[in-house]
N, C-alpha and C. Protein backbone atom coordinates (compact mmCIF):
# COMPACT_ATOMS: atom_id res chain seq x y z
N UNK A 1 134.91 96.91 54.83
CA UNK A 1 134.78 96.40 53.31
C UNK A 1 133.35 95.72 52.87
N UNK A 2 132.96 94.61 53.71
CA UNK A 2 132.06 93.63 53.40
C UNK A 2 130.78 94.67 53.55
N UNK A 3 130.69 95.56 54.64
CA UNK A 3 129.42 96.40 54.73
C UNK A 3 129.25 97.27 53.54
N UNK A 4 130.05 97.98 52.95
CA UNK A 4 130.04 98.66 51.96
C UNK A 4 129.45 98.14 50.82
N UNK A 5 129.78 96.65 50.51
CA UNK A 5 129.49 95.94 49.36
C UNK A 5 128.02 95.54 49.66
N UNK A 6 127.91 95.24 51.09
CA UNK A 6 126.24 94.94 51.20
C UNK A 6 125.33 96.26 51.18
N UNK A 7 125.79 97.39 51.51
CA UNK A 7 124.92 98.85 51.24
C UNK A 7 124.79 99.11 49.93
N UNK A 8 126.01 98.71 48.96
CA UNK A 8 125.81 98.82 47.60
C UNK A 8 124.95 97.96 47.21
N UNK A 9 124.89 96.63 47.27
CA UNK A 9 123.89 95.89 47.10
C UNK A 9 122.49 96.18 47.42
N UNK A 10 122.28 96.56 48.44
CA UNK A 10 120.88 96.91 49.10
C UNK A 10 120.48 98.17 47.89
N UNK A 11 121.12 99.16 48.12
CA UNK A 11 120.77 100.14 47.19
C UNK A 11 120.30 99.87 46.00
N UNK A 12 121.26 99.05 45.50
CA UNK A 12 120.94 98.40 43.83
C UNK A 12 119.63 97.93 43.83
N UNK A 13 119.55 96.91 45.02
CA UNK A 13 118.31 95.83 44.85
C UNK A 13 117.18 96.90 45.19
N UNK A 14 117.48 97.92 45.88
CA UNK A 14 116.19 98.62 46.42
C UNK A 14 115.63 99.69 45.00
N UNK A 15 116.97 100.10 44.20
CA UNK A 15 116.78 100.81 42.93
C UNK A 15 115.81 99.89 41.81
N UNK A 16 116.46 98.48 41.81
CA UNK A 16 115.92 97.66 40.94
C UNK A 16 114.32 97.28 41.17
N UNK A 17 113.77 97.21 42.62
CA UNK A 17 112.82 96.91 42.83
C UNK A 17 111.66 98.05 43.00
N UNK A 18 112.23 99.12 42.96
CA UNK A 18 111.36 100.42 42.69
C UNK A 18 111.12 101.05 44.24
N UNK A 19 111.98 100.56 44.75
CA UNK A 19 111.78 101.33 46.17
C UNK A 19 112.25 102.65 46.16
N UNK A 20 112.81 102.94 45.30
CA UNK A 20 113.15 104.51 45.35
C UNK A 20 112.17 105.55 45.18
N UNK A 21 111.30 104.88 44.55
CA UNK A 21 109.89 105.72 44.28
C UNK A 21 109.04 106.06 45.67
N UNK A 22 109.27 105.18 46.40
CA UNK A 22 108.53 105.27 47.73
C UNK A 22 109.19 106.05 48.58
N UNK A 23 110.16 106.77 48.38
CA UNK A 23 111.08 107.46 49.24
C UNK A 23 110.25 109.10 49.69
N UNK A 24 110.31 109.56 50.96
CA UNK A 24 109.60 110.49 51.11
C UNK A 24 109.65 111.94 50.27
N UNK A 25 111.26 112.08 49.98
CA UNK A 25 111.58 113.09 49.18
C UNK A 25 110.83 113.10 47.68
N UNK A 26 111.02 111.74 47.01
CA UNK A 26 110.17 111.91 45.78
C UNK A 26 108.74 111.99 45.71
N UNK A 27 108.15 111.69 46.96
CA UNK A 27 106.64 111.64 46.97
C UNK A 27 106.22 112.80 47.31
N UNK A 28 107.08 113.77 48.20
CA UNK A 28 106.95 115.32 48.41
C UNK A 28 107.27 116.31 47.07
N UNK A 29 108.02 115.78 46.11
CA UNK A 29 108.33 116.28 44.82
C UNK A 29 107.79 115.69 43.69
N UNK A 30 106.85 114.97 43.52
CA UNK A 30 106.33 114.22 42.61
C UNK A 30 105.72 115.29 41.34
N UNK A 31 105.18 116.26 42.14
CA UNK A 31 104.39 117.27 41.00
C UNK A 31 105.51 117.93 40.34
N UNK A 32 106.26 118.31 41.13
CA UNK A 32 107.44 119.05 40.53
C UNK A 32 108.30 118.36 39.55
N UNK A 33 108.71 117.07 39.72
CA UNK A 33 109.08 116.15 38.79
C UNK A 33 108.50 116.00 37.56
N UNK A 34 107.04 115.91 37.60
CA UNK A 34 106.24 115.73 36.28
C UNK A 34 106.27 116.86 35.98
N UNK A 35 106.24 118.02 36.39
CA UNK A 35 106.23 119.21 35.46
C UNK A 35 107.19 119.36 34.79
N UNK A 36 108.64 119.00 35.53
CA UNK A 36 110.16 119.09 34.83
C UNK A 36 110.20 118.16 33.52
N UNK A 37 109.45 116.98 33.59
CA UNK A 37 109.53 116.14 32.46
C UNK A 37 108.73 116.78 31.37
N UNK A 38 107.43 117.11 31.82
CA UNK A 38 106.68 117.82 31.00
C UNK A 38 107.05 119.01 29.93
N UNK A 39 107.81 119.65 30.77
CA UNK A 39 108.60 120.69 30.05
C UNK A 39 109.60 120.29 28.96
N UNK A 40 110.35 119.27 29.64
CA UNK A 40 111.74 118.85 28.98
C UNK A 40 110.63 118.15 27.57
N UNK A 41 109.70 117.36 27.63
CA UNK A 41 109.16 116.69 26.23
C UNK A 41 108.88 117.97 25.50
N UNK A 42 107.84 119.12 26.24
CA UNK A 42 107.65 120.23 25.04
C UNK A 42 108.94 121.00 24.59
N UNK A 43 109.93 121.02 25.39
CA UNK A 43 110.91 121.38 24.65
C UNK A 43 111.80 120.97 23.48
N UNK A 44 111.74 119.77 23.81
CA UNK A 44 112.46 118.50 22.67
C UNK A 44 111.37 118.62 21.53
N UNK A 45 110.13 118.64 21.53
CA UNK A 45 109.17 118.52 20.43
C UNK A 45 109.25 120.08 19.91
N UNK A 46 109.36 121.06 20.52
CA UNK A 46 109.29 122.43 20.00
C UNK A 46 110.58 122.60 19.12
N UNK A 47 111.83 122.28 19.81
CA UNK A 47 112.86 122.22 18.85
C UNK A 47 112.88 121.25 17.61
N UNK A 48 112.24 120.13 17.67
CA UNK A 48 112.08 119.53 16.32
C UNK A 48 111.21 120.03 15.66
N UNK A 49 110.18 120.80 15.72
CA UNK A 49 109.27 121.43 15.15
C UNK A 49 109.86 122.52 14.46
N UNK A 50 110.92 123.37 14.97
CA UNK A 50 111.48 124.47 14.76
C UNK A 50 112.29 124.04 13.49
N UNK A 51 113.11 123.02 13.88
CA UNK A 51 114.18 122.37 13.03
C UNK A 51 113.48 122.01 11.43
N UNK A 52 112.19 121.43 11.47
CA UNK A 52 111.20 121.05 10.11
C UNK A 52 111.13 121.87 9.70
N UNK A 53 110.69 123.01 10.42
CA UNK A 53 110.30 124.57 9.60
C UNK A 53 111.49 124.86 8.68
N UNK A 54 112.41 124.84 9.74
CA UNK A 54 113.91 125.76 9.24
C UNK A 54 114.18 124.84 7.75
N UNK A 55 114.04 123.56 7.60
CA UNK A 55 114.35 122.58 6.56
C UNK A 55 113.48 123.09 5.36
N UNK A 56 112.30 123.15 5.62
CA UNK A 56 110.89 123.42 4.86
C UNK A 56 111.56 124.98 4.00
N UNK A 57 111.74 125.69 4.89
CA UNK A 57 112.23 127.23 4.67
C UNK A 57 113.20 127.18 3.55
N UNK A 58 114.54 126.32 3.92
CA UNK A 58 115.48 126.21 3.20
C UNK A 58 115.32 125.67 1.48
N UNK A 59 114.31 124.61 1.73
CA UNK A 59 113.81 124.16 0.63
C UNK A 59 113.26 124.98 -0.16
N UNK A 60 112.33 125.86 0.19
CA UNK A 60 111.26 126.83 -0.73
C UNK A 60 112.25 127.96 -0.96
N UNK A 61 113.54 128.46 -0.36
CA UNK A 61 114.19 129.36 -0.71
C UNK A 61 115.03 128.97 -2.01
N UNK A 62 115.67 127.39 -1.91
CA UNK A 62 116.39 127.01 -3.01
C UNK A 62 115.33 126.84 -4.22
N UNK A 63 114.27 126.16 -4.14
CA UNK A 63 113.13 126.25 -5.39
C UNK A 63 112.93 127.69 -5.81
N UNK A 64 112.63 128.73 -4.97
CA UNK A 64 112.44 130.09 -5.27
C UNK A 64 113.65 130.50 -6.21
N UNK A 65 114.84 130.44 -6.00
CA UNK A 65 116.12 130.91 -6.51
C UNK A 65 115.95 130.28 -7.92
N UNK A 66 115.91 129.09 -8.02
CA UNK A 66 115.86 128.26 -9.14
C UNK A 66 114.82 128.59 -10.02
N UNK A 67 113.60 128.95 -9.69
CA UNK A 67 112.48 129.35 -10.60
C UNK A 67 112.73 130.88 -10.96
N UNK A 68 113.54 131.80 -10.34
CA UNK A 68 113.92 132.92 -10.53
C UNK A 68 115.04 132.91 -11.59
N UNK A 69 115.69 132.11 -11.88
CA UNK A 69 117.02 131.57 -12.79
C UNK A 69 116.71 131.34 -13.93
N UNK A 70 115.43 130.32 -13.76
CA UNK A 70 114.64 129.85 -15.16
C UNK A 70 113.71 130.80 -15.53
N UNK A 71 112.90 131.72 -14.79
CA UNK A 71 112.05 132.86 -15.41
C UNK A 71 113.38 133.89 -16.19
N UNK A 72 114.36 134.05 -15.33
CA UNK A 72 115.16 135.17 -16.07
C UNK A 72 115.96 134.40 -17.55
N UNK A 73 116.11 133.12 -17.62
CA UNK A 73 116.74 132.56 -18.94
C UNK A 73 115.75 132.40 -19.76
N UNK A 74 114.35 132.30 -19.49
CA UNK A 74 113.45 132.14 -20.62
C UNK A 74 113.11 133.63 -20.98
N UNK A 75 112.94 134.48 -20.17
CA UNK A 75 113.02 135.91 -20.75
C UNK A 75 114.11 136.48 -21.36
N UNK A 76 115.25 135.91 -21.33
CA UNK A 76 116.22 136.32 -22.05
C UNK A 76 116.08 135.74 -23.27
N UNK A 77 115.93 134.37 -23.23
CA UNK A 77 115.65 133.62 -24.86
C UNK A 77 114.48 134.19 -25.46
N UNK A 78 113.33 134.50 -24.91
CA UNK A 78 112.46 135.32 -25.86
C UNK A 78 112.89 136.85 -26.37
N UNK A 79 113.33 137.20 -25.68
CA UNK A 79 113.98 138.75 -25.92
C UNK A 79 114.94 138.59 -27.32
N UNK A 80 115.64 137.32 -27.37
CA UNK A 80 116.70 137.27 -28.52
C UNK A 80 115.70 136.68 -29.62
N UNK A 81 114.72 135.93 -29.07
CA UNK A 81 113.83 135.48 -30.54
C UNK A 81 113.10 136.76 -30.89
N UNK A 82 112.83 137.53 -30.22
CA UNK A 82 112.16 138.74 -30.78
C UNK A 82 112.78 139.87 -31.53
N UNK A 83 113.96 139.62 -31.50
CA UNK A 83 114.72 140.92 -31.95
C UNK A 83 114.36 140.80 -33.60
N UNK A 84 114.57 141.98 -34.15
CA UNK A 84 114.36 142.00 -35.61
C UNK A 84 115.27 141.23 -36.35
N UNK A 85 116.55 141.22 -36.15
CA UNK A 85 117.66 140.35 -36.85
C UNK A 85 117.27 138.80 -36.61
N UNK A 86 117.03 138.60 -35.24
CA UNK A 86 116.61 137.10 -35.41
C UNK A 86 115.02 136.66 -36.45
N UNK A 87 114.19 137.66 -36.43
CA UNK A 87 113.04 137.63 -37.00
C UNK A 87 113.36 137.48 -38.73
N UNK A 88 114.14 138.36 -39.10
CA UNK A 88 114.85 138.03 -40.26
C UNK A 88 115.38 136.99 -40.65
N UNK A 89 116.30 136.23 -39.83
CA UNK A 89 116.95 135.01 -39.85
C UNK A 89 116.08 133.97 -40.07
N UNK A 90 115.06 134.13 -39.29
CA UNK A 90 114.01 133.05 -39.23
C UNK A 90 113.20 132.67 -40.41
N UNK A 91 112.90 133.99 -40.88
CA UNK A 91 112.36 134.31 -42.08
C UNK A 91 113.10 133.64 -43.42
N UNK A 92 114.38 134.21 -43.42
CA UNK A 92 115.04 133.61 -44.34
C UNK A 92 115.59 132.06 -44.40
N UNK A 93 115.61 131.38 -43.12
CA UNK A 93 115.86 129.88 -42.79
C UNK A 93 114.39 129.40 -43.52
N UNK A 94 113.57 129.79 -43.23
CA UNK A 94 112.08 129.02 -43.63
C UNK A 94 111.75 129.22 -44.78
N UNK A 95 112.21 130.44 -45.57
CA UNK A 95 111.92 130.56 -46.98
C UNK A 95 110.57 131.02 -47.39
N UNK A 96 110.25 131.69 -46.51
CA UNK A 96 108.89 132.17 -46.33
C UNK A 96 109.03 133.28 -47.33
N UNK A 97 107.73 133.82 -48.01
CA UNK A 97 107.42 134.88 -48.97
C UNK A 97 107.32 136.22 -48.57
N UNK A 98 107.47 136.23 -46.89
CA UNK A 98 107.43 137.54 -46.17
C UNK A 98 108.68 138.42 -46.71
N UNK A 99 108.59 139.60 -47.04
CA UNK A 99 109.51 140.56 -47.06
C UNK A 99 109.36 141.63 -45.90
N UNK A 100 110.80 142.36 -45.73
CA UNK A 100 110.67 143.23 -44.50
C UNK A 100 110.25 144.59 -45.43
N UNK A 101 109.38 145.44 -44.75
CA UNK A 101 109.16 146.48 -45.45
C UNK A 101 109.91 147.53 -45.21
N UNK A 102 110.35 148.45 -46.32
CA UNK A 102 111.46 149.57 -46.50
C UNK A 102 111.05 150.76 -46.08
N UNK A 103 109.67 150.97 -46.31
CA UNK A 103 109.10 152.19 -45.66
C UNK A 103 108.39 151.97 -44.58
N UNK A 104 108.26 153.13 -43.87
CA UNK A 104 107.71 153.16 -42.36
C UNK A 104 105.85 152.94 -42.72
N UNK A 105 105.37 152.31 -41.79
CA UNK A 105 103.81 152.05 -41.85
C UNK A 105 103.11 153.85 -42.07
N UNK A 106 102.14 153.92 -42.69
CA UNK A 106 101.41 155.11 -42.99
C UNK A 106 99.94 154.82 -42.43
N UNK A 107 99.38 155.97 -41.59
CA UNK A 107 98.17 155.67 -41.17
C UNK A 107 97.32 156.31 -42.11
N UNK A 108 96.20 155.63 -42.66
CA UNK A 108 95.14 155.91 -43.34
C UNK A 108 94.26 156.60 -42.89
N UNK A 109 93.60 157.85 -43.12
CA UNK A 109 92.52 158.63 -42.79
C UNK A 109 91.42 158.45 -43.34
N UNK A 110 90.06 158.14 -42.78
CA UNK A 110 88.87 158.16 -43.66
C UNK A 110 88.32 159.24 -44.23
């Protein structure tokens, strides 16, 4: 029992002092471990960039829909204001001297 505790204590001491990094296994595979950590960092940064682009795409889609609905509303409002009955009502409300012609326009020839 005491030997197990001393082994655990030595392992912990070796880990804290950095002796683990000097082990032959880690020295042989140091290049592979560096490559593995570099790939993990690249993966995480790539995923973050992808998520940021998705957020931007969603924001732009929302903005596009809002702009489409606003353009549709303005188009509808313009059509309503340009109708003959709306123009007649507008003229009467303003008390203008304009009158609506009864006859169709005639083209005069030279």
